[in-house]
Amino acid sequence: MNLGDRVVISKNNHPLYRFTGTIVGRRGFRIVRDTMLLILINERQRSYLIPESMVNLVSDSTPDVENDLRFN
């Protein structure tokens, strides 16, 4: 997961379960290989630190070159 990717919180015991947001930063490790992500939550317009293991990717931030109007 990279900056700008859209994610959804997928862990049912998290208080923001099923909320969507955008990754705006990375802040180190919670445990080994579980990065804390700074996520701007759309429904609350606030950013929260959430472990990477609790989120799933909704859409990638990389531009889709095939659908880009500049190349058509």
PDB file of N, CA and C in Angstrom:
ATOM      1  N   MET A   1       0.842  -1.181   0.000  1.00  0.00           N
ATOM      2  CA  MET A   1       0.000   0.000   0.000  1.00  0.00           C
ATOM      3  C   MET A   1       0.882   1.237   0.000  1.00  0.00           C
ATOM      4  N   ASN A   2       0.501   2.210  -0.814  1.00  0.00           N
ATOM      5  CA  ASN A   2       1.290   3.424  -0.970  1.00  0.00           C
ATOM      6  C   ASN A   2       0.460   4.648  -0.617  1.00  0.00           C
ATOM      7  N   LEU A   3       1.137   5.775  -0.542  1.00  0.00           N
ATOM      8  CA  LEU A   3       0.439   7.028  -0.270  1.00  0.00           C
ATOM      9  C   LEU A   3      -0.570   7.303  -1.370  1.00  0.00           C
ATOM     10  N   GLY A   4      -1.749   7.741  -0.980  1.00  0.00           N
ATOM     11  CA  GLY A   4      -2.799   8.063  -1.938  1.00  0.00           C
ATOM     12  C   GLY A   4      -3.751   6.926  -2.227  1.00  0.00           C
ATOM     13  N   ASP A   5      -3.431   5.706  -1.805  1.00  0.00           N
ATOM     14  CA  ASP A   5      -4.318   4.567  -2.036  1.00  0.00           C
ATOM     15  C   ASP A   5      -5.574   4.703  -1.192  1.00  0.00           C
ATOM     16  N   ARG A   6      -6.695   4.272  -1.752  1.00  0.00           N
ATOM     17  CA  ARG A   6      -7.956   4.264  -1.011  1.00  0.00           C
ATOM     18  C   ARG A   6      -8.099   2.915  -0.318  1.00  0.00           C
ATOM     19  N   VAL A   7      -8.468   2.940   0.958  1.00  0.00           N
ATOM     20  CA  VAL A   7      -8.573   1.728   1.759  1.00  0.00           C
ATOM     21  C   VAL A   7      -9.886   1.707   2.525  1.00  0.00           C
ATOM     22  N   VAL A   8     -10.261   0.514   2.982  1.00  0.00           N
ATOM     23  CA  VAL A   8     -11.411   0.341   3.865  1.00  0.00           C
ATOM     24  C   VAL A   8     -10.927  -0.418   5.095  1.00  0.00           C
ATOM     25  N   ILE A   9     -11.438  -0.043   6.253  1.00  0.00           N
ATOM     26  CA  ILE A   9     -11.069  -0.726   7.497  1.00  0.00           C
ATOM     27  C   ILE A   9     -11.875  -2.019   7.560  1.00  0.00           C
ATOM     28  N   SER A  10     -11.169  -3.143   7.575  1.00  0.00           N
ATOM     29  CA  SER A  10     -11.825  -4.436   7.411  1.00  0.00           C
ATOM     30  C   SER A  10     -11.869  -5.293   8.675  1.00  0.00           C
ATOM     31  N   LYS A  11     -11.319  -4.820   9.755  1.00  0.00           N
ATOM     32  CA  LYS A  11     -11.294  -5.595  10.997  1.00  0.00           C
ATOM     33  C   LYS A  11     -12.557  -5.255  11.802  1.00  0.00           C
ATOM     34  N   ASN A  12     -13.386  -6.264  12.077  1.00  0.00           N
ATOM     35  CA  ASN A  12     -14.684  -5.988  12.698  1.00  0.00           C
ATOM     36  C   ASN A  12     -14.610  -5.535  14.152  1.00  0.00           C
ATOM     37  N   ASN A  13     -13.467  -5.674  14.820  1.00  0.00           N
ATOM     38  CA  ASN A  13     -13.372  -5.192  16.199  1.00  0.00           C
ATOM     39  C   ASN A  13     -12.794  -3.779  16.281  1.00  0.00           C
ATOM     40  N   HIS A  14     -12.547  -3.136  15.138  1.00  0.00           N
ATOM     41  CA  HIS A  14     -12.051  -1.757  15.127  1.00  0.00           C
ATOM     42  C   HIS A  14     -13.244  -0.799  15.191  1.00  0.00           C
ATOM     43  N   PRO A  15     -13.163   0.288  15.967  1.00  0.00           N
ATOM     44  CA  PRO A  15     -14.303   1.211  16.094  1.00  0.00           C
ATOM     45  C   PRO A  15     -14.692   1.899  14.779  1.00  0.00           C
ATOM     46  N   LEU A  16     -13.800   1.946  13.803  1.00  0.00           N
ATOM     47  CA  LEU A  16     -14.108   2.578  12.521  1.00  0.00           C
ATOM     48  C   LEU A  16     -14.337   1.529  11.426  1.00  0.00           C
ATOM     49  N   TYR A  17     -14.825   0.362  11.807  1.00  0.00           N
ATOM     50  CA  TYR A  17     -15.061  -0.746  10.877  1.00  0.00           C
ATOM     51  C   TYR A  17     -15.939  -0.296   9.711  1.00  0.00           C
ATOM     52  N   ARG A  18     -15.526  -0.635   8.482  1.00  0.00           N
ATOM     53  CA  ARG A  18     -16.198  -0.326   7.213  1.00  0.00           C
ATOM     54  C   ARG A  18     -16.102   1.138   6.796  1.00  0.00           C
ATOM     55  N   PHE A  19     -15.326   1.941   7.496  1.00  0.00           N
ATOM     56  CA  PHE A  19     -15.098   3.315   7.061  1.00  0.00           C
ATOM     57  C   PHE A  19     -14.032   3.288   5.966  1.00  0.00           C
ATOM     58  N   THR A  20     -14.107   4.244   5.038  1.00  0.00           N
ATOM     59  CA  THR A  20     -13.129   4.322   3.959  1.00  0.00           C
ATOM     60  C   THR A  20     -12.258   5.554   4.134  1.00  0.00           C
ATOM     61  N   GLY A  21     -11.078   5.503   3.548  1.00  0.00           N
ATOM     62  CA  GLY A  21     -10.171   6.632   3.662  1.00  0.00           C
ATOM     63  C   GLY A  21      -9.027   6.544   2.685  1.00  0.00           C
ATOM     64  N   THR A  22      -8.136   7.531   2.777  1.00  0.00           N
ATOM     65  CA  THR A  22      -6.975   7.637   1.909  1.00  0.00           C
ATOM     66  C   THR A  22      -5.711   7.618   2.761  1.00  0.00           C
ATOM     67  N   ILE A  23      -4.718   6.860   2.342  1.00  0.00           N
ATOM     68  CA  ILE A  23      -3.449   6.808   3.064  1.00  0.00           C
ATOM     69  C   ILE A  23      -2.698   8.112   2.822  1.00  0.00           C
ATOM     70  N   VAL A  24      -2.366   8.821   3.901  1.00  0.00           N
ATOM     71  CA  VAL A  24      -1.646  10.089   3.788  1.00  0.00           C
ATOM     72  C   VAL A  24      -0.277  10.046   4.447  1.00  0.00           C
ATOM     73  N   GLY A  25       0.065   8.923   5.106  1.00  0.00           N
ATOM     74  CA  GLY A  25       1.375   8.821   5.729  1.00  0.00           C
ATOM     75  C   GLY A  25       1.631   7.448   6.318  1.00  0.00           C
ATOM     76  N   ARG A  26       2.908   7.201   6.649  1.00  0.00           N
ATOM     77  CA  ARG A  26       3.343   5.967   7.309  1.00  0.00           C
ATOM     78  C   ARG A  26       4.086   6.363   8.579  1.00  0.00           C
ATOM     79  N   ARG A  27       3.867   5.643   9.663  1.00  0.00           N
ATOM     80  CA  ARG A  27       4.440   6.047  10.936  1.00  0.00           C
ATOM     81  C   ARG A  27       5.108   4.922  11.699  1.00  0.00           C
ATOM     82  N   GLY A  28       5.907   4.088  11.051  1.00  0.00           N
ATOM     83  CA  GLY A  28       6.641   3.058  11.778  1.00  0.00           C
ATOM     84  C   GLY A  28       5.856   1.785  11.952  1.00  0.00           C
ATOM     85  N   PHE A  29       6.307   0.929  12.885  1.00  0.00           N
ATOM     86  CA  PHE A  29       5.738  -0.398  13.048  1.00  0.00           C
ATOM     87  C   PHE A  29       4.980  -0.530  14.359  1.00  0.00           C
ATOM     88  N   ARG A  30       3.850  -1.230  14.308  1.00  0.00           N
ATOM     89  CA  ARG A  30       3.122  -1.619  15.506  1.00  0.00           C
ATOM     90  C   ARG A  30       3.762  -2.889  16.044  1.00  0.00           C
ATOM     91  N   ILE A  31       3.894  -3.881  15.182  1.00  0.00           N
ATOM     92  CA  ILE A  31       4.673  -5.089  15.439  1.00  0.00           C
ATOM     93  C   ILE A  31       5.504  -5.323  14.183  1.00  0.00           C
ATOM     94  N   VAL A  32       6.318  -6.351  14.158  1.00  0.00           N
ATOM     95  CA  VAL A  32       7.168  -6.606  13.001  1.00  0.00           C
ATOM     96  C   VAL A  32       6.314  -6.765  11.741  1.00  0.00           C
ATOM     97  N   ARG A  33       6.658  -6.025  10.695  1.00  0.00           N
ATOM     98  CA  ARG A  33       5.993  -6.052   9.382  1.00  0.00           C
ATOM     99  C   ARG A  33       4.541  -5.608   9.414  1.00  0.00           C
ATOM    100  N   ASP A  34       4.117  -4.860  10.409  1.00  0.00           N
ATOM    101  CA  ASP A  34       2.758  -4.316  10.459  1.00  0.00           C
ATOM    102  C   ASP A  34       2.869  -2.803  10.644  1.00  0.00           C
ATOM    103  N   THR A  35       2.944  -2.082   9.541  1.00  0.00           N
ATOM    104  CA  THR A  35       3.161  -0.639   9.548  1.00  0.00           C
ATOM    105  C   THR A  35       1.919   0.100  10.025  1.00  0.00           C
ATOM    106  N   MET A  36       2.127   1.141  10.819  1.00  0.00           N
ATOM    107  CA  MET A  36       1.032   2.034  11.193  1.00  0.00           C
ATOM    108  C   MET A  36       0.828   3.012  10.044  1.00  0.00           C
ATOM    109  N   LEU A  37      -0.397   3.104   9.555  1.00  0.00           N
ATOM    110  CA  LEU A  37      -0.729   3.997   8.451  1.00  0.00           C
ATOM    111  C   LEU A  37      -1.518   5.184   8.974  1.00  0.00           C
ATOM    112  N   LEU A  38      -1.187   6.366   8.492  1.00  0.00           N
ATOM    113  CA  LEU A  38      -1.973   7.555   8.794  1.00  0.00           C
ATOM    114  C   LEU A  38      -3.018   7.666   7.698  1.00  0.00           C
ATOM    115  N   ILE A  39      -4.286   7.489   8.069  1.00  0.00           N
ATOM    116  CA  ILE A  39      -5.367   7.414   7.093  1.00  0.00           C
ATOM    117  C   ILE A  39      -6.356   8.547   7.340  1.00  0.00           C
ATOM    118  N   LEU A  40      -6.654   9.304   6.283  1.00  0.00           N
ATOM    119  CA  LEU A  40      -7.680  10.343   6.341  1.00  0.00           C
ATOM    120  C   LEU A  40      -9.016   9.669   6.081  1.00  0.00           C
ATOM    121  N   ILE A  41      -9.858   9.592   7.121  1.00  0.00           N
ATOM    122  CA  ILE A  41     -11.154   8.921   7.031  1.00  0.00           C
ATOM    123  C   ILE A  41     -12.164   9.890   6.419  1.00  0.00           C
ATOM    124  N   ASN A  42     -12.803   9.472   5.318  1.00  0.00           N
ATOM    125  CA  ASN A  42     -13.724  10.343   4.594  1.00  0.00           C
ATOM    126  C   ASN A  42     -14.947  10.733   5.419  1.00  0.00           C
ATOM    127  N   GLU A  43     -15.529   9.776   6.131  1.00  0.00           N
ATOM    128  CA  GLU A  43     -16.766  10.031   6.866  1.00  0.00           C
ATOM    129  C   GLU A  43     -16.572  10.988   8.043  1.00  0.00           C
ATOM    130  N   ARG A  44     -15.381  11.076   8.577  1.00  0.00           N
ATOM    131  CA  ARG A  44     -15.106  11.939   9.737  1.00  0.00           C
ATOM    132  C   ARG A  44     -14.251  13.156   9.406  1.00  0.00           C
ATOM    133  N   GLN A  45     -13.603  13.169   8.237  1.00  0.00           N
ATOM    134  CA  GLN A  45     -12.669  14.227   7.830  1.00  0.00           C
ATOM    135  C   GLN A  45     -11.590  14.457   8.882  1.00  0.00           C
ATOM    136  N   ARG A  46     -11.081  13.353   9.427  1.00  0.00           N
ATOM    137  CA  ARG A  46      -9.976  13.351  10.380  1.00  0.00           C
ATOM    138  C   ARG A  46      -9.022  12.245  10.007  1.00  0.00           C
ATOM    139  N   SER A  47      -7.783  12.368  10.463  1.00  0.00           N
ATOM    140  CA  SER A  47      -6.808  11.317  10.183  1.00  0.00           C
ATOM    141  C   SER A  47      -6.567  10.496  11.452  1.00  0.00           C
ATOM    142  N   TYR A  48      -6.367   9.200  11.261  1.00  0.00           N
ATOM    143  CA  TYR A  48      -6.171   8.256  12.348  1.00  0.00           C
ATOM    144  C   TYR A  48      -4.993   7.344  12.017  1.00  0.00           C
ATOM    145  N   LEU A  49      -4.299   6.888  13.047  1.00  0.00           N
ATOM    146  CA  LEU A  49      -3.251   5.878  12.884  1.00  0.00           C
ATOM    147  C   LEU A  49      -3.896   4.505  13.007  1.00  0.00           C
ATOM    148  N   ILE A  50      -3.785   3.711  11.939  1.00  0.00           N
ATOM    149  CA  ILE A  50      -4.415   2.399  11.898  1.00  0.00           C
ATOM    150  C   ILE A  50      -3.383   1.408  11.374  1.00  0.00           C
ATOM    151  N   PRO A  51      -3.255   0.234  12.006  1.00  0.00           N
ATOM    152  CA  PRO A  51      -2.306  -0.770  11.530  1.00  0.00           C
ATOM    153  C   PRO A  51      -2.674  -1.265  10.129  1.00  0.00           C
ATOM    154  N   GLU A  52      -1.661  -1.531   9.323  1.00  0.00           N
ATOM    155  CA  GLU A  52      -1.875  -1.994   7.951  1.00  0.00           C
ATOM    156  C   GLU A  52      -2.649  -3.309   7.910  1.00  0.00           C
ATOM    157  N   SER A  53      -2.514  -4.132   8.944  1.00  0.00           N
ATOM    158  CA  SER A  53      -3.207  -5.421   8.972  1.00  0.00           C
ATOM    159  C   SER A  53      -4.719  -5.275   9.128  1.00  0.00           C
ATOM    160  N   MET A  54      -5.204  -4.095   9.479  1.00  0.00           N
ATOM    161  CA  MET A  54      -6.630  -3.885   9.683  1.00  0.00           C
ATOM    162  C   MET A  54      -7.324  -3.236   8.487  1.00  0.00           C
ATOM    163  N   VAL A  55      -6.597  -2.987   7.403  1.00  0.00           N
ATOM    164  CA  VAL A  55      -7.207  -2.328   6.245  1.00  0.00           C
ATOM    165  C   VAL A  55      -7.012  -3.162   4.988  1.00  0.00           C
ATOM    166  N   ASN A  56      -7.916  -2.980   4.017  1.00  0.00           N
ATOM    167  CA  ASN A  56      -7.822  -3.605   2.709  1.00  0.00           C
ATOM    168  C   ASN A  56      -7.837  -2.527   1.645  1.00  0.00           C
ATOM    169  N   LEU A  57      -7.146  -2.787   0.561  1.00  0.00           N
ATOM    170  CA  LEU A  57      -7.049  -1.851  -0.544  1.00  0.00           C
ATOM    171  C   LEU A  57      -8.364  -1.808  -1.316  1.00  0.00           C
ATOM    172  N   VAL A  58      -8.878  -0.581  -1.554  1.00  0.00           N
ATOM    173  CA  VAL A  58     -10.084  -0.398  -2.362  1.00  0.00           C
ATOM    174  C   VAL A  58      -9.691  -0.031  -3.780  1.00  0.00           C
ATOM    175  N   SER A  59      -8.832   0.979  -3.925  1.00  0.00           N
ATOM    176  CA  SER A  59      -8.349   1.362  -5.253  1.00  0.00           C
ATOM    177  C   SER A  59      -6.927   1.874  -5.136  1.00  0.00           C
ATOM    178  N   ASP A  60      -6.181   1.670  -6.197  1.00  0.00           N
ATOM    179  CA  ASP A  60      -4.781   2.040  -6.254  1.00  0.00           C
ATOM    180  C   ASP A  60      -4.642   3.500  -6.649  1.00  0.00           C
ATOM    181  N   SER A  61      -3.598   4.164  -6.182  1.00  0.00           N
ATOM    182  CA  SER A  61      -3.390   5.577  -6.496  1.00  0.00           C
ATOM    183  C   SER A  61      -2.675   5.789  -7.809  1.00  0.00           C
ATOM    184  N   THR A  62      -2.106   4.719  -8.389  1.00  0.00           N
ATOM    185  CA  THR A  62      -1.381   4.881  -9.639  1.00  0.00           C
ATOM    186  C   THR A  62      -2.354   5.148 -10.776  1.00  0.00           C
ATOM    187  N   PRO A  63      -2.037   6.076 -11.665  1.00  0.00           N
ATOM    188  CA  PRO A  63      -2.964   6.416 -12.751  1.00  0.00           C
ATOM    189  C   PRO A  63      -3.093   5.271 -13.749  1.00  0.00           C
ATOM    190  N   ASP A  64      -4.279   5.111 -14.278  1.00  0.00           N
ATOM    191  CA  ASP A  64      -4.548   4.095 -15.279  1.00  0.00           C
ATOM    192  C   ASP A  64      -4.243   4.681 -16.654  1.00  0.00           C
ATOM    193  N   VAL A  65      -3.129   4.294 -17.227  1.00  0.00           N
ATOM    194  CA  VAL A  65      -2.647   4.899 -18.473  1.00  0.00           C
ATOM    195  C   VAL A  65      -3.606   4.594 -19.626  1.00  0.00           C
ATOM    196  N   GLU A  66      -4.233   3.435 -19.635  1.00  0.00           N
ATOM    197  CA  GLU A  66      -5.123   3.063 -20.737  1.00  0.00           C
ATOM    198  C   GLU A  66      -6.355   3.962 -20.786  1.00  0.00           C
ATOM    199  N   ASN A  67      -6.834   4.419 -19.649  1.00  0.00           N
ATOM    200  CA  ASN A  67      -8.051   5.239 -19.604  1.00  0.00           C
ATOM    201  C   ASN A  67      -7.746   6.734 -19.503  1.00  0.00           C
ATOM    202  N   ASP A  68      -6.499   7.108 -19.526  1.00  0.00           N
ATOM    203  CA  ASP A  68      -6.109   8.521 -19.435  1.00  0.00           C
ATOM    204  C   ASP A  68      -6.448   9.226 -20.743  1.00  0.00           C
ATOM    205  N   LEU A  69      -7.174  10.319 -20.678  1.00  0.00           N
ATOM    206  CA  LEU A  69      -7.625  11.028 -21.876  1.00  0.00           C
ATOM    207  C   LEU A  69      -6.477  11.610 -22.682  1.00  0.00           C
ATOM    208  N   ARG A  70      -5.349  11.864 -22.059  1.00  0.00           N
ATOM    209  CA  ARG A  70      -4.217  12.445 -22.784  1.00  0.00           C
ATOM    210  C   ARG A  70      -3.649  11.486 -23.803  1.00  0.00           C
ATOM    211  N   PHE A  71      -3.858  10.198 -23.626  1.00  0.00           N
ATOM    212  CA  PHE A  71      -3.281   9.218 -24.533  1.00  0.00           C
ATOM    213  C   PHE A  71      -4.288   8.671 -25.527  1.00  0.00           C
ATOM    214  N   ASN A  72      -5.505   9.168 -25.536  1.00  0.00           N
ATOM    215  CA  ASN A  72      -6.528   8.681 -26.487  1.00  0.00           C
ATOM    216  C   ASN A  72      -6.589   9.563 -27.701  1.00  0.00           C
TER     217      ASN A  72
END
